[in-house]
């Protein structure tokens, strides 16, 4: 009789993603994953493979659900300049609400990207998409008259990405509202 899994794959993956996000890859043990996912070790290996394979699947899920889904919501619910401001404001609000896990893509860029080409490609894609989001919003804002025409969209988008990454890194160790708000203020200054 073939083996049948007795758990919800997506729910288990979400739990693993949350553990990797909170603890990082290296600090997360297979026992941590077994416990957080609520499945036995054999089921974990049979369904997800090894720890690295599970991490890659969790990172891809994070990128699709959190980064891509979040950006799409910002674009739909705000004007171009407002979407950029909301990206920074929501990141700060999350920290002030008690979440200091940062961004899994940024955390992974710091921890694993220099050592793993496949993981680096996933991180690079997510960060390139964030840069493109900023660039698109700047260009739409210019077309709508919300952002001055003299702002060089590619350069400003890269500056915004750098500030956003910096904010996410700072939020892990220095979550003071005034510090994070000053980063957001600099983001706004790039658009004037």
N, C-alpha and C. Protein backbone atom coordinates (compact mmCIF):
# COMPACT_ATOMS: atom_id res chain seq x y z
N UNK A 1 0.85 -1.18 0.00
CA UNK A 1 0.00 0.00 0.00
C UNK A 1 0.89 1.24 0.00
N UNK A 2 0.65 2.20 -0.93
CA UNK A 2 1.50 3.38 -0.99
C UNK A 2 1.32 4.27 0.23
N UNK A 3 2.39 4.99 0.53
CA UNK A 3 2.40 5.92 1.66
C UNK A 3 1.50 7.10 1.33
N UNK A 4 0.68 7.52 2.29
CA UNK A 4 -0.15 8.71 2.14
C UNK A 4 0.23 9.71 3.20
N UNK A 5 0.42 10.95 2.78
CA UNK A 5 0.74 11.96 3.77
C UNK A 5 -0.51 12.29 4.58
N UNK A 6 -0.31 12.58 5.83
CA UNK A 6 -1.41 12.83 6.74
C UNK A 6 -1.39 14.26 7.28
N UNK A 7 -0.92 15.20 6.45
CA UNK A 7 -0.84 16.58 6.89
C UNK A 7 -1.07 17.49 5.70
N UNK A 8 -1.34 18.75 5.99
CA UNK A 8 -1.54 19.78 4.97
C UNK A 8 -0.18 20.33 4.56
N UNK A 9 0.22 20.04 3.34
CA UNK A 9 1.55 20.43 2.84
C UNK A 9 1.76 21.94 2.96
N UNK A 10 0.79 22.74 2.50
CA UNK A 10 0.94 24.20 2.53
C UNK A 10 1.03 24.74 3.95
N UNK A 11 0.22 24.20 4.84
CA UNK A 11 0.26 24.66 6.23
C UNK A 11 1.61 24.31 6.87
N UNK A 12 2.10 23.11 6.60
CA UNK A 12 3.40 22.70 7.15
C UNK A 12 4.52 23.57 6.57
N UNK A 13 4.45 23.86 5.27
CA UNK A 13 5.45 24.71 4.65
C UNK A 13 5.43 26.12 5.24
N UNK A 14 4.24 26.65 5.48
CA UNK A 14 4.13 27.97 6.09
C UNK A 14 4.75 27.99 7.49
N UNK A 15 4.56 26.93 8.24
CA UNK A 15 5.16 26.85 9.58
C UNK A 15 6.68 26.80 9.49
N UNK A 16 7.19 26.03 8.54
CA UNK A 16 8.65 25.96 8.35
C UNK A 16 9.18 27.31 7.93
N UNK A 17 8.49 28.00 7.02
CA UNK A 17 8.90 29.31 6.58
C UNK A 17 8.99 30.27 7.77
N UNK A 18 8.00 30.24 8.63
CA UNK A 18 8.00 31.11 9.80
C UNK A 18 9.17 30.83 10.72
N UNK A 19 9.53 29.57 10.86
CA UNK A 19 10.66 29.22 11.73
C UNK A 19 11.98 29.68 11.11
N UNK A 20 12.16 29.44 9.81
CA UNK A 20 13.36 29.92 9.14
C UNK A 20 13.45 31.45 9.21
N UNK A 21 12.32 32.10 9.05
CA UNK A 21 12.25 33.56 9.06
C UNK A 21 12.66 34.10 10.43
N UNK A 22 12.18 33.47 11.48
CA UNK A 22 12.46 33.95 12.83
C UNK A 22 13.87 33.59 13.30
N UNK A 23 14.36 32.41 12.92
CA UNK A 23 15.62 31.91 13.47
C UNK A 23 16.79 31.96 12.51
N UNK A 24 16.51 31.99 11.21
CA UNK A 24 17.56 31.87 10.21
C UNK A 24 17.78 30.42 9.84
N UNK A 25 18.48 30.20 8.76
CA UNK A 25 18.71 28.84 8.26
C UNK A 25 19.62 28.05 9.20
N UNK A 26 20.77 28.60 9.49
CA UNK A 26 21.74 27.84 10.30
C UNK A 26 21.24 27.52 11.70
N UNK A 27 20.51 28.43 12.31
CA UNK A 27 20.05 28.23 13.68
C UNK A 27 18.83 27.31 13.77
N UNK A 28 18.24 26.96 12.63
CA UNK A 28 17.08 26.09 12.62
C UNK A 28 17.52 24.65 12.42
N UNK A 29 17.21 23.81 13.38
CA UNK A 29 17.58 22.39 13.29
C UNK A 29 16.44 21.59 12.68
N UNK A 30 16.75 20.39 12.27
CA UNK A 30 15.69 19.51 11.76
C UNK A 30 14.66 19.24 12.86
N UNK A 31 15.11 19.14 14.10
CA UNK A 31 14.16 18.94 15.20
C UNK A 31 13.24 20.14 15.36
N UNK A 32 13.78 21.35 15.20
CA UNK A 32 12.93 22.55 15.22
C UNK A 32 11.85 22.45 14.16
N UNK A 33 12.23 21.99 12.98
CA UNK A 33 11.28 21.90 11.87
C UNK A 33 10.22 20.82 12.13
N UNK A 34 10.66 19.69 12.62
CA UNK A 34 9.71 18.62 12.97
C UNK A 34 8.68 19.14 13.97
N UNK A 35 9.16 19.84 14.99
CA UNK A 35 8.26 20.35 16.03
C UNK A 35 7.34 21.45 15.52
N UNK A 36 7.87 22.40 14.78
CA UNK A 36 7.02 23.51 14.33
C UNK A 36 6.02 23.06 13.28
N UNK A 37 6.42 22.11 12.43
CA UNK A 37 5.53 21.66 11.36
C UNK A 37 4.50 20.65 11.84
N UNK A 38 4.77 20.04 12.99
CA UNK A 38 3.84 19.07 13.55
C UNK A 38 3.79 17.77 12.76
N UNK A 39 4.91 17.42 12.13
CA UNK A 39 4.96 16.16 11.38
C UNK A 39 6.18 15.37 11.83
N UNK A 40 6.20 14.10 11.53
CA UNK A 40 7.35 13.30 11.94
C UNK A 40 8.49 13.47 10.93
N UNK A 41 9.66 13.12 11.37
CA UNK A 41 10.88 13.30 10.57
C UNK A 41 10.78 12.58 9.22
N UNK A 42 10.23 11.39 9.21
CA UNK A 42 10.10 10.64 7.96
C UNK A 42 9.20 11.35 6.97
N UNK A 43 8.10 11.90 7.46
CA UNK A 43 7.19 12.64 6.58
C UNK A 43 7.84 13.90 6.05
N UNK A 44 8.63 14.55 6.90
CA UNK A 44 9.33 15.77 6.47
C UNK A 44 10.27 15.44 5.32
N UNK A 45 11.10 14.41 5.49
CA UNK A 45 12.05 14.04 4.44
C UNK A 45 11.33 13.55 3.18
N UNK A 46 10.27 12.76 3.35
CA UNK A 46 9.55 12.22 2.19
C UNK A 46 8.86 13.32 1.39
N UNK A 47 8.35 14.33 2.07
CA UNK A 47 7.58 15.38 1.40
C UNK A 47 8.43 16.56 0.93
N UNK A 48 9.46 16.89 1.67
CA UNK A 48 10.22 18.11 1.40
C UNK A 48 11.69 17.87 1.08
N UNK A 49 12.18 16.66 1.31
CA UNK A 49 13.60 16.42 1.11
C UNK A 49 14.39 16.86 2.33
N UNK A 50 15.61 17.29 2.09
CA UNK A 50 16.47 17.70 3.20
C UNK A 50 16.17 19.14 3.62
N UNK A 51 16.90 19.60 4.62
CA UNK A 51 16.67 20.94 5.18
C UNK A 51 16.84 22.02 4.12
N UNK A 52 17.86 21.91 3.29
CA UNK A 52 18.11 22.91 2.26
C UNK A 52 16.96 22.95 1.25
N UNK A 53 16.49 21.80 0.84
CA UNK A 53 15.36 21.74 -0.12
C UNK A 53 14.11 22.36 0.48
N UNK A 54 13.85 22.08 1.75
CA UNK A 54 12.71 22.68 2.44
C UNK A 54 12.88 24.19 2.52
N UNK A 55 14.08 24.64 2.83
CA UNK A 55 14.33 26.07 2.91
C UNK A 55 14.09 26.75 1.57
N UNK A 56 14.56 26.15 0.50
CA UNK A 56 14.37 26.74 -0.84
C UNK A 56 12.88 26.83 -1.16
N UNK A 57 12.12 25.80 -0.85
CA UNK A 57 10.67 25.85 -1.09
C UNK A 57 10.02 26.93 -0.23
N UNK A 58 10.46 27.05 1.01
CA UNK A 58 9.91 28.07 1.91
C UNK A 58 10.28 29.47 1.43
N UNK A 59 11.51 29.66 0.96
CA UNK A 59 11.95 30.96 0.46
C UNK A 59 11.16 31.36 -0.78
N UNK A 60 10.92 30.41 -1.67
CA UNK A 60 10.11 30.70 -2.87
C UNK A 60 8.68 31.07 -2.47
N UNK A 61 8.15 30.38 -1.49
CA UNK A 61 6.80 30.70 -1.01
C UNK A 61 6.76 32.11 -0.41
N UNK A 62 7.77 32.43 0.39
CA UNK A 62 7.85 33.77 0.96
C UNK A 62 7.86 34.82 -0.15
N UNK A 63 8.68 34.60 -1.15
CA UNK A 63 8.79 35.58 -2.23
C UNK A 63 7.45 35.75 -2.95
N UNK A 64 6.77 34.65 -3.21
CA UNK A 64 5.49 34.73 -3.92
C UNK A 64 4.38 35.32 -3.06
N UNK A 65 4.28 34.90 -1.82
CA UNK A 65 3.17 35.32 -0.97
C UNK A 65 3.44 36.68 -0.32
N UNK A 66 4.59 36.81 0.30
CA UNK A 66 4.85 38.02 1.07
C UNK A 66 5.35 39.16 0.21
N UNK A 67 6.40 38.94 -0.55
CA UNK A 67 6.94 40.04 -1.33
C UNK A 67 6.05 40.37 -2.53
N UNK A 68 5.77 39.41 -3.37
CA UNK A 68 4.99 39.67 -4.57
C UNK A 68 3.54 40.05 -4.25
N UNK A 69 2.92 39.32 -3.37
CA UNK A 69 1.54 39.63 -2.99
C UNK A 69 1.43 40.99 -2.33
N UNK A 70 2.38 41.32 -1.49
CA UNK A 70 2.40 42.61 -0.80
C UNK A 70 2.57 43.75 -1.79
N UNK A 71 3.52 43.61 -2.71
CA UNK A 71 3.76 44.65 -3.71
C UNK A 71 2.51 44.85 -4.57
N UNK A 72 1.90 43.77 -4.99
CA UNK A 72 0.67 43.88 -5.80
C UNK A 72 -0.42 44.63 -5.05
N UNK A 73 -0.54 44.36 -3.76
CA UNK A 73 -1.55 45.07 -2.96
C UNK A 73 -1.22 46.56 -2.86
N UNK A 74 0.04 46.89 -2.67
CA UNK A 74 0.44 48.29 -2.60
C UNK A 74 0.11 49.03 -3.89
N UNK A 75 0.40 48.40 -5.01
CA UNK A 75 0.14 49.01 -6.32
C UNK A 75 -1.36 49.25 -6.52
N UNK A 76 -2.16 48.29 -6.11
CA UNK A 76 -3.62 48.39 -6.30
C UNK A 76 -4.28 49.38 -5.35
N UNK A 77 -3.71 49.56 -4.16
CA UNK A 77 -4.39 50.36 -3.15
C UNK A 77 -3.84 51.78 -2.98
N UNK A 78 -2.80 52.13 -3.71
CA UNK A 78 -2.19 53.46 -3.57
C UNK A 78 -1.82 54.02 -4.94
N UNK A 79 -1.68 55.33 -4.99
CA UNK A 79 -1.08 55.95 -6.15
C UNK A 79 0.41 55.64 -6.15
N UNK A 80 1.12 56.01 -7.21
CA UNK A 80 2.54 55.65 -7.30
C UNK A 80 3.40 56.13 -6.13
N UNK A 81 3.34 57.40 -5.82
CA UNK A 81 4.15 57.92 -4.70
C UNK A 81 3.67 57.32 -3.38
N UNK A 82 2.37 57.16 -3.24
CA UNK A 82 1.81 56.57 -2.02
C UNK A 82 2.22 55.12 -1.84
N UNK A 83 2.36 54.37 -2.94
CA UNK A 83 2.79 52.97 -2.85
C UNK A 83 4.21 52.87 -2.32
N UNK A 84 5.06 53.78 -2.77
CA UNK A 84 6.44 53.79 -2.27
C UNK A 84 6.46 54.13 -0.78
N UNK A 85 5.74 55.18 -0.41
CA UNK A 85 5.68 55.57 1.00
C UNK A 85 5.09 54.45 1.85
N UNK A 86 4.05 53.80 1.34
CA UNK A 86 3.41 52.72 2.09
C UNK A 86 4.34 51.55 2.31
N UNK A 87 5.24 51.27 1.37
CA UNK A 87 6.19 50.17 1.55
C UNK A 87 7.04 50.42 2.80
N UNK A 88 7.53 51.63 2.93
CA UNK A 88 8.34 51.97 4.10
C UNK A 88 7.48 52.05 5.37
N UNK A 89 6.32 52.70 5.25
CA UNK A 89 5.45 52.86 6.42
C UNK A 89 4.99 51.51 6.97
N UNK A 90 4.63 50.58 6.10
CA UNK A 90 4.16 49.27 6.56
C UNK A 90 5.29 48.46 7.18
N UNK A 91 6.49 48.58 6.64
CA UNK A 91 7.63 47.88 7.24
C UNK A 91 7.89 48.41 8.65
N UNK A 92 7.80 49.73 8.79
CA UNK A 92 7.99 50.34 10.12
C UNK A 92 6.86 49.94 11.06
N UNK A 93 5.63 49.96 10.57
CA UNK A 93 4.48 49.58 11.40
C UNK A 93 4.60 48.14 11.90
N UNK A 94 5.10 47.25 11.06
CA UNK A 94 5.26 45.86 11.47
C UNK A 94 6.25 45.76 12.63
N UNK A 95 7.34 46.51 12.54
CA UNK A 95 8.34 46.50 13.60
C UNK A 95 7.75 47.08 14.88
N UNK A 96 7.05 48.19 14.75
CA UNK A 96 6.45 48.83 15.92
C UNK A 96 5.35 47.95 16.52
N UNK A 97 4.78 47.07 15.69
CA UNK A 97 3.77 46.14 16.18
C UNK A 97 4.37 44.90 16.83
N UNK A 98 5.69 44.84 16.90
CA UNK A 98 6.34 43.74 17.60
C UNK A 98 7.07 42.74 16.74
N UNK A 99 7.01 42.89 15.42
CA UNK A 99 7.69 41.95 14.53
C UNK A 99 9.08 42.47 14.20
N UNK A 100 10.10 41.78 14.68
CA UNK A 100 11.45 42.20 14.34
C UNK A 100 12.20 41.10 13.58
N UNK A 101 11.45 40.29 12.84
CA UNK A 101 12.06 39.23 12.05
C UNK A 101 12.67 39.75 10.76
N UNK A 102 12.37 41.01 10.41
CA UNK A 102 12.90 41.57 9.18
C UNK A 102 12.23 40.95 7.97
N UNK A 103 12.98 40.82 6.92
CA UNK A 103 12.50 40.28 5.64
C UNK A 103 13.29 39.00 5.37
N UNK A 104 12.61 37.91 5.08
CA UNK A 104 13.31 36.65 4.86
C UNK A 104 14.27 36.74 3.67
N UNK A 105 13.92 37.48 2.63
CA UNK A 105 14.84 37.63 1.50
C UNK A 105 16.11 38.36 1.93
N UNK A 106 15.96 39.44 2.67
CA UNK A 106 17.12 40.21 3.12
C UNK A 106 17.93 39.39 4.12
N UNK A 107 17.27 38.73 5.05
CA UNK A 107 17.97 37.88 6.01
C UNK A 107 18.80 36.82 5.28
N UNK A 108 18.19 36.23 4.26
CA UNK A 108 18.86 35.19 3.48
C UNK A 108 20.01 35.76 2.67
N UNK A 109 19.83 36.97 2.15
CA UNK A 109 20.92 37.62 1.41
C UNK A 109 22.16 37.74 2.29
N UNK A 110 21.95 38.04 3.55
CA UNK A 110 23.06 38.20 4.48
C UNK A 110 23.64 36.86 4.93
N UNK A 111 22.78 35.88 5.13
CA UNK A 111 23.23 34.62 5.71
C UNK A 111 23.73 33.62 4.67
N UNK A 112 23.02 33.45 3.56
CA UNK A 112 23.32 32.33 2.67
C UNK A 112 23.71 32.68 1.24
N UNK A 113 23.24 33.80 0.73
CA UNK A 113 23.48 34.12 -0.68
C UNK A 113 24.94 34.05 -1.11
N UNK A 114 25.87 34.52 -0.29
CA UNK A 114 27.26 34.46 -0.74
C UNK A 114 27.80 33.04 -0.91
N UNK A 115 27.09 32.04 -0.36
CA UNK A 115 27.61 30.68 -0.33
C UNK A 115 26.80 29.68 -1.14
N UNK A 116 25.69 30.10 -1.73
CA UNK A 116 24.80 29.15 -2.40
C UNK A 116 24.18 29.82 -3.63
N UNK A 117 24.59 29.39 -4.80
CA UNK A 117 24.14 30.03 -6.03
C UNK A 117 22.64 29.92 -6.27
N UNK A 118 22.05 28.78 -5.95
CA UNK A 118 20.61 28.62 -6.17
C UNK A 118 19.81 29.53 -5.25
N UNK A 119 20.19 29.60 -4.00
CA UNK A 119 19.52 30.48 -3.06
C UNK A 119 19.77 31.93 -3.44
N UNK A 120 20.98 32.24 -3.85
CA UNK A 120 21.31 33.59 -4.29
C UNK A 120 20.43 34.02 -5.45
N UNK A 121 20.14 33.13 -6.38
CA UNK A 121 19.29 33.46 -7.53
C UNK A 121 17.88 33.82 -7.09
N UNK A 122 17.35 33.12 -6.09
CA UNK A 122 16.01 33.42 -5.58
C UNK A 122 16.00 34.80 -4.92
N UNK A 123 17.02 35.06 -4.11
CA UNK A 123 17.13 36.36 -3.44
C UNK A 123 17.31 37.47 -4.47
N UNK A 124 18.19 37.25 -5.42
CA UNK A 124 18.43 38.26 -6.47
C UNK A 124 17.16 38.59 -7.22
N UNK A 125 16.37 37.58 -7.53
CA UNK A 125 15.10 37.79 -8.23
C UNK A 125 14.16 38.66 -7.40
N UNK A 126 14.00 38.32 -6.14
CA UNK A 126 13.10 39.09 -5.27
C UNK A 126 13.55 40.53 -5.11
N UNK A 127 14.85 40.74 -4.94
CA UNK A 127 15.35 42.11 -4.78
C UNK A 127 15.27 42.89 -6.09
N UNK A 128 15.50 42.21 -7.20
CA UNK A 128 15.35 42.88 -8.50
C UNK A 128 13.90 43.28 -8.74
N UNK A 129 12.98 42.45 -8.30
CA UNK A 129 11.55 42.78 -8.43
C UNK A 129 11.18 43.97 -7.55
N UNK A 130 11.77 44.06 -6.37
CA UNK A 130 11.53 45.24 -5.52
C UNK A 130 12.08 46.49 -6.18
N UNK A 131 13.28 46.40 -6.75
CA UNK A 131 13.85 47.54 -7.47
C UNK A 131 12.93 47.95 -8.62
N UNK A 132 12.41 46.95 -9.35
CA UNK A 132 11.52 47.25 -10.47
C UNK A 132 10.22 47.89 -9.99
N UNK A 133 9.70 47.43 -8.86
CA UNK A 133 8.52 48.06 -8.27
C UNK A 133 8.78 49.54 -8.03
N UNK A 134 9.91 49.86 -7.39
CA UNK A 134 10.23 51.26 -7.12
C UNK A 134 10.37 52.04 -8.43
N UNK A 135 11.06 51.46 -9.40
CA UNK A 135 11.26 52.14 -10.69
C UNK A 135 9.92 52.39 -11.38
N UNK A 136 9.07 51.37 -11.41
CA UNK A 136 7.74 51.52 -12.05
C UNK A 136 6.92 52.60 -11.36
N UNK A 137 6.95 52.60 -10.03
CA UNK A 137 6.17 53.61 -9.30
C UNK A 137 6.71 55.02 -9.56
N UNK A 138 8.02 55.16 -9.65
CA UNK A 138 8.60 56.47 -9.95
C UNK A 138 8.15 56.93 -11.33
N UNK A 139 8.24 56.05 -12.31
CA UNK A 139 7.87 56.43 -13.68
C UNK A 139 6.37 56.73 -13.79
N UNK A 140 5.55 55.94 -13.12
CA UNK A 140 4.10 56.23 -13.11
C UNK A 140 3.83 57.54 -12.37
N UNK A 141 4.56 57.77 -11.28
CA UNK A 141 4.41 59.01 -10.54
C UNK A 141 4.83 60.21 -11.36
N UNK A 142 5.85 60.06 -12.16
CA UNK A 142 6.26 61.15 -13.05
C UNK A 142 5.20 61.42 -14.10
N UNK A 143 4.63 60.36 -14.65
CA UNK A 143 3.58 60.52 -15.66
C UNK A 143 2.34 61.19 -15.07
N UNK A 144 2.09 60.92 -13.80
CA UNK A 144 0.92 61.50 -13.12
C UNK A 144 1.22 62.86 -12.49
N UNK A 145 2.45 63.31 -12.56
CA UNK A 145 2.82 64.60 -11.98
C UNK A 145 3.05 64.55 -10.48
N UNK A 146 3.16 63.36 -9.88
CA UNK A 146 3.40 63.22 -8.44
C UNK A 146 4.88 63.27 -8.08
N UNK A 147 5.72 62.97 -9.06
CA UNK A 147 7.17 62.92 -8.84
C UNK A 147 7.82 63.75 -9.93
N UNK A 148 8.76 64.62 -9.57
CA UNK A 148 9.37 65.50 -10.56
C UNK A 148 10.08 64.73 -11.69
N UNK A 149 10.03 65.30 -12.87
CA UNK A 149 10.63 64.67 -14.05
C UNK A 149 12.14 64.55 -13.94
N UNK A 150 12.79 65.40 -13.16
CA UNK A 150 14.25 65.35 -13.05
C UNK A 150 14.77 64.15 -12.26
N UNK A 151 13.89 63.46 -11.53
CA UNK A 151 14.31 62.28 -10.76
C UNK A 151 14.66 61.17 -11.77
N UNK A 152 15.86 60.65 -11.69
CA UNK A 152 16.29 59.56 -12.57
C UNK A 152 15.74 58.26 -11.98
N UNK A 153 14.79 57.66 -12.66
CA UNK A 153 14.04 56.54 -12.09
C UNK A 153 14.92 55.37 -11.68
N UNK A 154 15.85 54.98 -12.51
CA UNK A 154 16.69 53.82 -12.19
C UNK A 154 17.56 54.11 -10.97
N UNK A 155 18.19 55.28 -10.95
CA UNK A 155 19.04 55.63 -9.81
C UNK A 155 18.23 55.76 -8.52
N UNK A 156 17.09 56.41 -8.60
CA UNK A 156 16.26 56.58 -7.41
C UNK A 156 15.72 55.23 -6.93
N UNK A 157 15.35 54.35 -7.87
CA UNK A 157 14.86 53.03 -7.48
C UNK A 157 15.94 52.24 -6.75
N UNK A 158 17.16 52.34 -7.21
CA UNK A 158 18.26 51.64 -6.53
C UNK A 158 18.53 52.24 -5.15
N UNK A 159 18.41 53.56 -5.05
CA UNK A 159 18.54 54.20 -3.75
C UNK A 159 17.44 53.77 -2.80
N UNK A 160 16.20 53.70 -3.32
CA UNK A 160 15.08 53.26 -2.49
C UNK A 160 15.26 51.82 -2.05
N UNK A 161 15.73 50.96 -2.96
CA UNK A 161 15.97 49.57 -2.59
C UNK A 161 17.03 49.49 -1.48
N UNK A 162 18.07 50.26 -1.61
CA UNK A 162 19.13 50.26 -0.59
C UNK A 162 18.59 50.73 0.76
N UNK A 163 17.79 51.78 0.74
CA UNK A 163 17.19 52.27 1.98
C UNK A 163 16.24 51.24 2.57
N UNK A 164 15.46 50.58 1.71
CA UNK A 164 14.50 49.58 2.19
C UNK A 164 15.24 48.40 2.82
N UNK A 165 16.28 47.92 2.15
CA UNK A 165 17.07 46.82 2.72
C UNK A 165 17.69 47.27 4.05
N UNK A 166 18.23 48.47 4.07
CA UNK A 166 18.80 48.99 5.31
C UNK A 166 17.79 49.05 6.43
N UNK A 167 16.59 49.50 6.11
CA UNK A 167 15.53 49.57 7.11
C UNK A 167 15.21 48.18 7.66
N UNK A 168 15.13 47.20 6.76
CA UNK A 168 14.81 45.83 7.19
C UNK A 168 15.93 45.25 8.07
N UNK A 169 17.18 45.57 7.75
CA UNK A 169 18.29 45.09 8.57
C UNK A 169 18.28 45.79 9.92
N UNK A 170 18.14 47.11 9.92
CA UNK A 170 18.10 47.85 11.18
C UNK A 170 16.95 47.41 12.07
N UNK A 171 15.83 47.06 11.46
CA UNK A 171 14.66 46.67 12.26
C UNK A 171 14.92 45.44 13.11
N UNK A 172 15.92 44.64 12.75
CA UNK A 172 16.24 43.45 13.53
C UNK A 172 16.97 43.79 14.82
N UNK A 173 17.82 44.81 14.78
CA UNK A 173 18.63 45.09 15.98
C UNK A 173 18.38 46.46 16.60
N UNK A 174 17.88 47.39 15.79
CA UNK A 174 17.61 48.74 16.31
C UNK A 174 16.23 49.20 15.86
N UNK A 175 15.21 48.67 16.46
CA UNK A 175 13.85 48.94 15.99
C UNK A 175 13.24 50.26 16.46
N UNK A 176 14.08 51.22 16.88
CA UNK A 176 13.54 52.49 17.36
C UNK A 176 12.79 53.20 16.24
N UNK A 177 11.60 53.67 16.56
CA UNK A 177 10.74 54.33 15.57
C UNK A 177 11.43 55.52 14.94
N UNK A 178 12.13 56.33 15.73
CA UNK A 178 12.76 57.53 15.17
C UNK A 178 13.85 57.18 14.16
N UNK A 179 14.61 56.13 14.41
CA UNK A 179 15.65 55.70 13.48
C UNK A 179 15.03 55.21 12.18
N UNK A 180 14.04 54.34 12.29
CA UNK A 180 13.40 53.79 11.10
C UNK A 180 12.67 54.87 10.31
N UNK A 181 12.06 55.82 11.02
CA UNK A 181 11.36 56.92 10.35
C UNK A 181 12.34 57.79 9.58
N UNK A 182 13.55 57.97 10.11
CA UNK A 182 14.54 58.78 9.39
C UNK A 182 14.95 58.12 8.08
N UNK A 183 14.98 56.79 8.06
CA UNK A 183 15.26 56.07 6.81
C UNK A 183 14.13 56.32 5.81
N UNK A 184 12.89 56.23 6.28
CA UNK A 184 11.75 56.49 5.40
C UNK A 184 11.75 57.93 4.90
N UNK A 185 12.16 58.86 5.74
CA UNK A 185 12.23 60.26 5.31
C UNK A 185 13.25 60.44 4.19
N UNK A 186 14.35 59.73 4.27
CA UNK A 186 15.35 59.80 3.21
C UNK A 186 14.79 59.21 1.90
N UNK A 187 13.96 58.18 2.03
CA UNK A 187 13.32 57.62 0.84
C UNK A 187 12.44 58.68 0.17
N UNK A 188 11.69 59.39 0.96
CA UNK A 188 10.85 60.47 0.42
C UNK A 188 11.68 61.56 -0.23
N UNK A 189 12.84 61.85 0.35
CA UNK A 189 13.71 62.90 -0.20
C UNK A 189 14.24 62.54 -1.59
N UNK A 190 14.38 61.27 -1.88
CA UNK A 190 14.84 60.85 -3.21
C UNK A 190 13.81 61.17 -4.29
N UNK A 191 12.60 61.43 -3.89
CA UNK A 191 11.52 61.64 -4.86
C UNK A 191 11.17 63.11 -5.03
N UNK A 192 12.01 64.00 -4.53
CA UNK A 192 11.74 65.45 -4.65
C UNK A 192 12.69 66.12 -5.62
